[in-house]
Amino acid sequence: MAASPGELLFIDQWADAGGMETFFSNPFAQGAGDQLYASREEAEWIPARDAFTFHVPAIVDTSARFVGMMRAPVRATSDAVKVISERIWANLRASRRLGHLSHQLFLREAFVVEARPASNARRSGGEDTAFPVESVEVLALDFWPTLEGLTEHYSALLSTNKLDEVLAGSITVSVWEQARGFVEW
C-alpha cells in the first residue's frame, strides 16, 4: 500500500492546460527531468464535476502529513463520481474522527492524454515509454495528519463491493509521507 522507496510525488495545480503542455514539452525541462529522475510520469487530472469534496485546516503544529491516492479505470464517469461521492459522504463522520483533512476526486479521459501528450507522458532513462491509456480513470486524493487514520479509513472503504460496480479494472493505492522540512507554497 505504501509508495516504493526512492519515489517522489509532486502535486502541481495549473491554471492553464496549455501552459502545462508548453512546460512539459520544453526540451530543457525534459532534459532536466531526465537528469533528476530515473523514470517519471506526468499526468494531467481534471477535478471531477459534481464530486463531493472537502478541505479542512490541519491542527496547528501537526508534525506529519500523509497523502493517500487511489487510482482506477472506470466504466462511466458519472456513475463512478456518484458512487465514490456517496461512499465518502456516508463515511465522512468516521473519517473526520480519524483526522481526514481533505478529499478531492479527479478524472483523466483519453482525449486529454491525446490532446496534450507531453503533459501526460512516461519517461524512463531519457526515453518516452508506452503509456497505457484507459478510456477514463479516476484519482482520489486524500490528505491525513496520521498514517494510522489513513490506513484505517482506506481499509474500511476498500472492503466494500460498491466500488466494484463502477470500476473497469483494479484499484492502485499508494500512500505518501510529506518530506521533513519541506515547505509548501
Protein backbone atom coordinates (compact mmCIF):
# COMPACT_ATOMS: atom_id res chain seq x y z
CA MET A 1 0.00 0.00 0.00
CA ALA A 2 2.91 2.40 0.57
CA ALA A 3 4.83 4.15 -2.17
CA SER A 4 8.10 2.44 -3.09
CA PRO A 5 11.37 3.66 -1.56
CA GLY A 6 13.03 6.25 -3.77
CA GLU A 7 9.77 7.54 -5.23
CA LEU A 8 8.88 11.22 -5.09
CA LEU A 9 5.46 12.81 -5.61
CA PHE A 10 4.86 16.34 -6.86
CA ILE A 11 1.34 17.75 -6.96
CA ASP A 12 1.08 20.93 -9.02
CA GLN A 13 -2.03 22.91 -9.82
CA TRP A 14 -2.02 24.68 -13.17
CA ALA A 15 -4.49 27.37 -14.19
CA ASP A 16 -3.82 26.82 -17.89
CA ALA A 17 -3.52 23.38 -19.51
CA GLY A 18 -1.75 24.94 -22.50
CA GLY A 19 0.94 26.36 -20.22
CA MET A 20 1.42 22.95 -18.65
CA GLU A 21 1.83 21.35 -22.08
CA THR A 22 4.33 24.06 -23.09
CA PHE A 23 6.38 23.42 -19.94
CA PHE A 24 6.45 19.62 -20.23
CA SER A 25 7.20 19.69 -23.97
CA ASN A 26 10.18 22.04 -23.49
CA PRO A 27 13.40 20.10 -24.29
CA PHE A 28 15.26 21.81 -21.42
CA ALA A 29 12.57 20.81 -18.91
CA GLN A 30 12.57 17.24 -20.26
CA GLY A 31 16.36 17.08 -20.10
CA ALA A 32 16.44 18.38 -16.53
CA GLY A 33 13.80 15.85 -15.54
CA ASP A 34 15.80 13.06 -17.20
CA GLN A 35 18.86 14.06 -15.16
CA LEU A 36 16.93 14.18 -11.88
CA TYR A 37 14.74 11.07 -12.20
CA ALA A 38 15.37 7.51 -13.36
CA SER A 39 11.75 7.39 -14.53
CA ARG A 40 8.69 9.58 -14.16
CA GLU A 41 5.06 10.05 -15.11
CA GLU A 42 3.49 13.38 -15.93
CA ALA A 43 -0.26 13.10 -15.61
CA GLU A 44 -2.95 15.72 -16.10
CA TRP A 45 -6.03 15.23 -13.95
CA ILE A 46 -9.16 17.40 -14.07
CA PRO A 47 -11.35 17.94 -10.98
CA ALA A 48 -14.44 15.72 -11.26
CA ARG A 49 -17.53 17.84 -11.72
CA ASP A 50 -20.31 17.11 -9.22
CA ALA A 51 -17.98 15.13 -6.94
CA PHE A 52 -18.21 15.52 -3.18
CA THR A 53 -15.01 17.18 -1.96
CA PHE A 54 -13.95 18.82 1.27
CA HIS A 55 -10.96 20.62 2.80
CA VAL A 56 -10.49 21.48 6.47
CA PRO A 57 -7.41 23.08 8.01
CA ALA A 58 -4.87 20.90 9.77
CA ILE A 59 -4.35 21.27 13.50
CA VAL A 60 -1.57 23.76 14.29
CA ASP A 61 1.88 22.15 14.60
CA THR A 62 0.82 18.87 13.02
CA SER A 63 4.16 17.12 12.61
CA ALA A 64 3.44 14.86 9.63
CA ARG A 65 1.05 14.78 6.74
CA PHE A 66 0.24 11.87 4.53
CA VAL A 67 -1.31 11.68 1.08
CA GLY A 68 -3.43 8.72 0.15
CA MET A 69 -4.07 8.11 -3.54
CA MET A 70 -6.50 5.65 -5.09
CA ARG A 71 -6.44 5.35 -8.86
CA ALA A 72 -8.53 3.11 -11.11
CA PRO A 73 -10.05 2.84 -14.58
CA VAL A 74 -13.84 3.21 -14.53
CA ARG A 75 -16.70 2.20 -16.78
CA ALA A 76 -18.55 5.53 -16.77
CA THR A 77 -17.53 8.87 -15.31
CA SER A 78 -20.92 9.90 -13.91
CA ASP A 79 -21.52 6.54 -12.21
CA ALA A 80 -18.03 6.49 -10.68
CA VAL A 81 -18.32 10.06 -9.39
CA LYS A 82 -21.73 9.29 -7.88
CA VAL A 83 -20.69 6.07 -6.12
CA ILE A 84 -17.38 7.44 -4.82
CA SER A 85 -19.04 10.65 -3.61
CA GLU A 86 -21.76 8.64 -1.83
CA ARG A 87 -19.12 6.46 -0.12
CA ILE A 88 -17.11 9.49 1.05
CA TRP A 89 -20.24 11.30 2.26
CA ALA A 90 -21.57 8.22 4.09
CA ASN A 91 -18.25 7.76 5.90
CA LEU A 92 -17.45 11.43 6.48
CA ARG A 93 -18.05 11.50 10.25
CA ALA A 94 -15.95 8.39 10.82
CA SER A 95 -13.15 9.62 8.56
CA ARG A 96 -13.11 13.08 10.18
CA ARG A 97 -12.81 11.44 13.62
CA LEU A 98 -9.72 9.69 12.25
CA GLY A 99 -8.33 13.06 11.11
CA HIS A 100 -9.27 13.17 7.41
CA LEU A 101 -8.33 16.67 6.21
CA SER A 102 -9.17 16.73 2.53
CA HIS A 103 -10.75 14.69 -0.26
CA GLN A 104 -10.68 15.51 -3.96
CA LEU A 105 -11.68 13.42 -6.95
CA PHE A 106 -10.06 13.86 -10.36
CA LEU A 107 -10.63 12.42 -13.83
CA ARG A 108 -8.34 11.72 -16.73
CA GLU A 109 -10.04 10.94 -20.01
CA ALA A 110 -8.34 9.51 -23.09
CA PHE A 111 -8.98 12.62 -25.20
CA VAL A 112 -6.96 14.72 -22.71
CA VAL A 113 -3.99 12.35 -22.99
CA GLU A 114 -4.16 12.54 -26.78
CA ALA A 115 -4.62 16.35 -26.85
CA ARG A 116 -1.66 17.09 -24.55
CA PRO A 117 0.86 14.25 -24.89
CA ALA A 118 3.76 15.99 -23.10
CA SER A 119 1.58 16.68 -20.06
CA ASN A 120 0.60 13.01 -19.97
CA ALA A 121 3.83 11.12 -20.61
CA ARG A 122 6.05 8.48 -19.07
CA ARG A 123 9.81 8.64 -19.44
CA SER A 124 12.50 6.23 -18.36
CA GLY A 125 16.22 6.58 -18.97
CA GLY A 126 15.63 9.73 -21.03
CA GLU A 127 13.22 7.99 -23.43
CA ASP A 128 9.45 8.08 -23.80
CA THR A 129 7.81 4.83 -22.74
CA ALA A 130 4.41 3.44 -23.59
CA PHE A 131 1.63 4.99 -21.57
CA PRO A 132 -1.39 2.75 -21.14
CA VAL A 133 -4.47 4.80 -21.82
CA GLU A 134 -7.72 3.81 -20.20
CA SER A 135 -10.84 5.48 -21.58
CA VAL A 136 -11.47 7.10 -18.18
CA GLU A 137 -9.52 6.92 -14.94
CA VAL A 138 -10.35 8.38 -11.54
CA LEU A 139 -7.91 9.55 -8.92
CA ALA A 140 -8.97 10.13 -5.33
CA LEU A 141 -6.53 12.31 -3.43
CA ASP A 142 -6.82 12.48 0.35
CA PHE A 143 -4.73 14.33 2.96
CA TRP A 144 -4.30 12.99 6.50
CA PRO A 145 -2.32 14.03 9.60
CA THR A 146 -1.64 10.41 10.63
CA LEU A 147 -0.82 7.20 8.84
CA GLU A 148 -2.99 5.25 11.29
CA GLY A 149 -6.13 7.22 10.41
CA LEU A 150 -5.47 6.93 6.68
CA THR A 151 -4.85 3.19 6.88
CA GLU A 152 -7.97 2.50 8.96
CA HIS A 153 -10.16 4.58 6.64
CA TYR A 154 -8.85 3.06 3.41
CA SER A 155 -9.15 -0.49 4.81
CA ALA A 156 -12.84 0.13 5.59
CA LEU A 157 -13.50 1.93 2.29
CA LEU A 158 -11.89 -0.74 0.13
CA SER A 159 -13.65 -3.62 1.91
CA THR A 160 -17.00 -2.75 0.31
CA ASN A 161 -18.19 -4.11 -3.02
CA LYS A 162 -19.92 -0.87 -4.05
CA LEU A 163 -16.79 0.32 -5.86
CA ASP A 164 -16.64 -2.86 -7.96
CA GLU A 165 -19.85 -1.78 -9.70
CA VAL A 166 -18.16 1.18 -11.40
CA LEU A 167 -14.57 0.01 -11.85
CA ALA A 168 -13.22 -1.27 -15.16
CA GLY A 169 -10.03 -2.59 -13.55
CA SER A 170 -8.19 -2.85 -10.28
CA ILE A 171 -7.56 -0.02 -7.83
CA THR A 172 -3.99 1.14 -7.29
CA VAL A 173 -3.48 2.55 -3.80
CA SER A 174 -0.39 4.43 -2.66
CA VAL A 175 0.49 6.32 0.49
CA TRP A 176 2.99 9.17 0.56
CA GLU A 177 4.57 10.92 3.53
CA GLN A 178 5.45 14.60 3.35
CA ALA A 179 9.21 15.11 3.41
CA ARG A 180 10.54 16.53 6.67
CA GLY A 181 11.43 20.22 6.38
CA PHE A 182 9.51 20.67 3.14
CA VAL A 183 7.70 23.98 2.87
CA GLU A 184 4.53 24.30 0.82
CA TRP A 185 3.96 27.44 -1.17
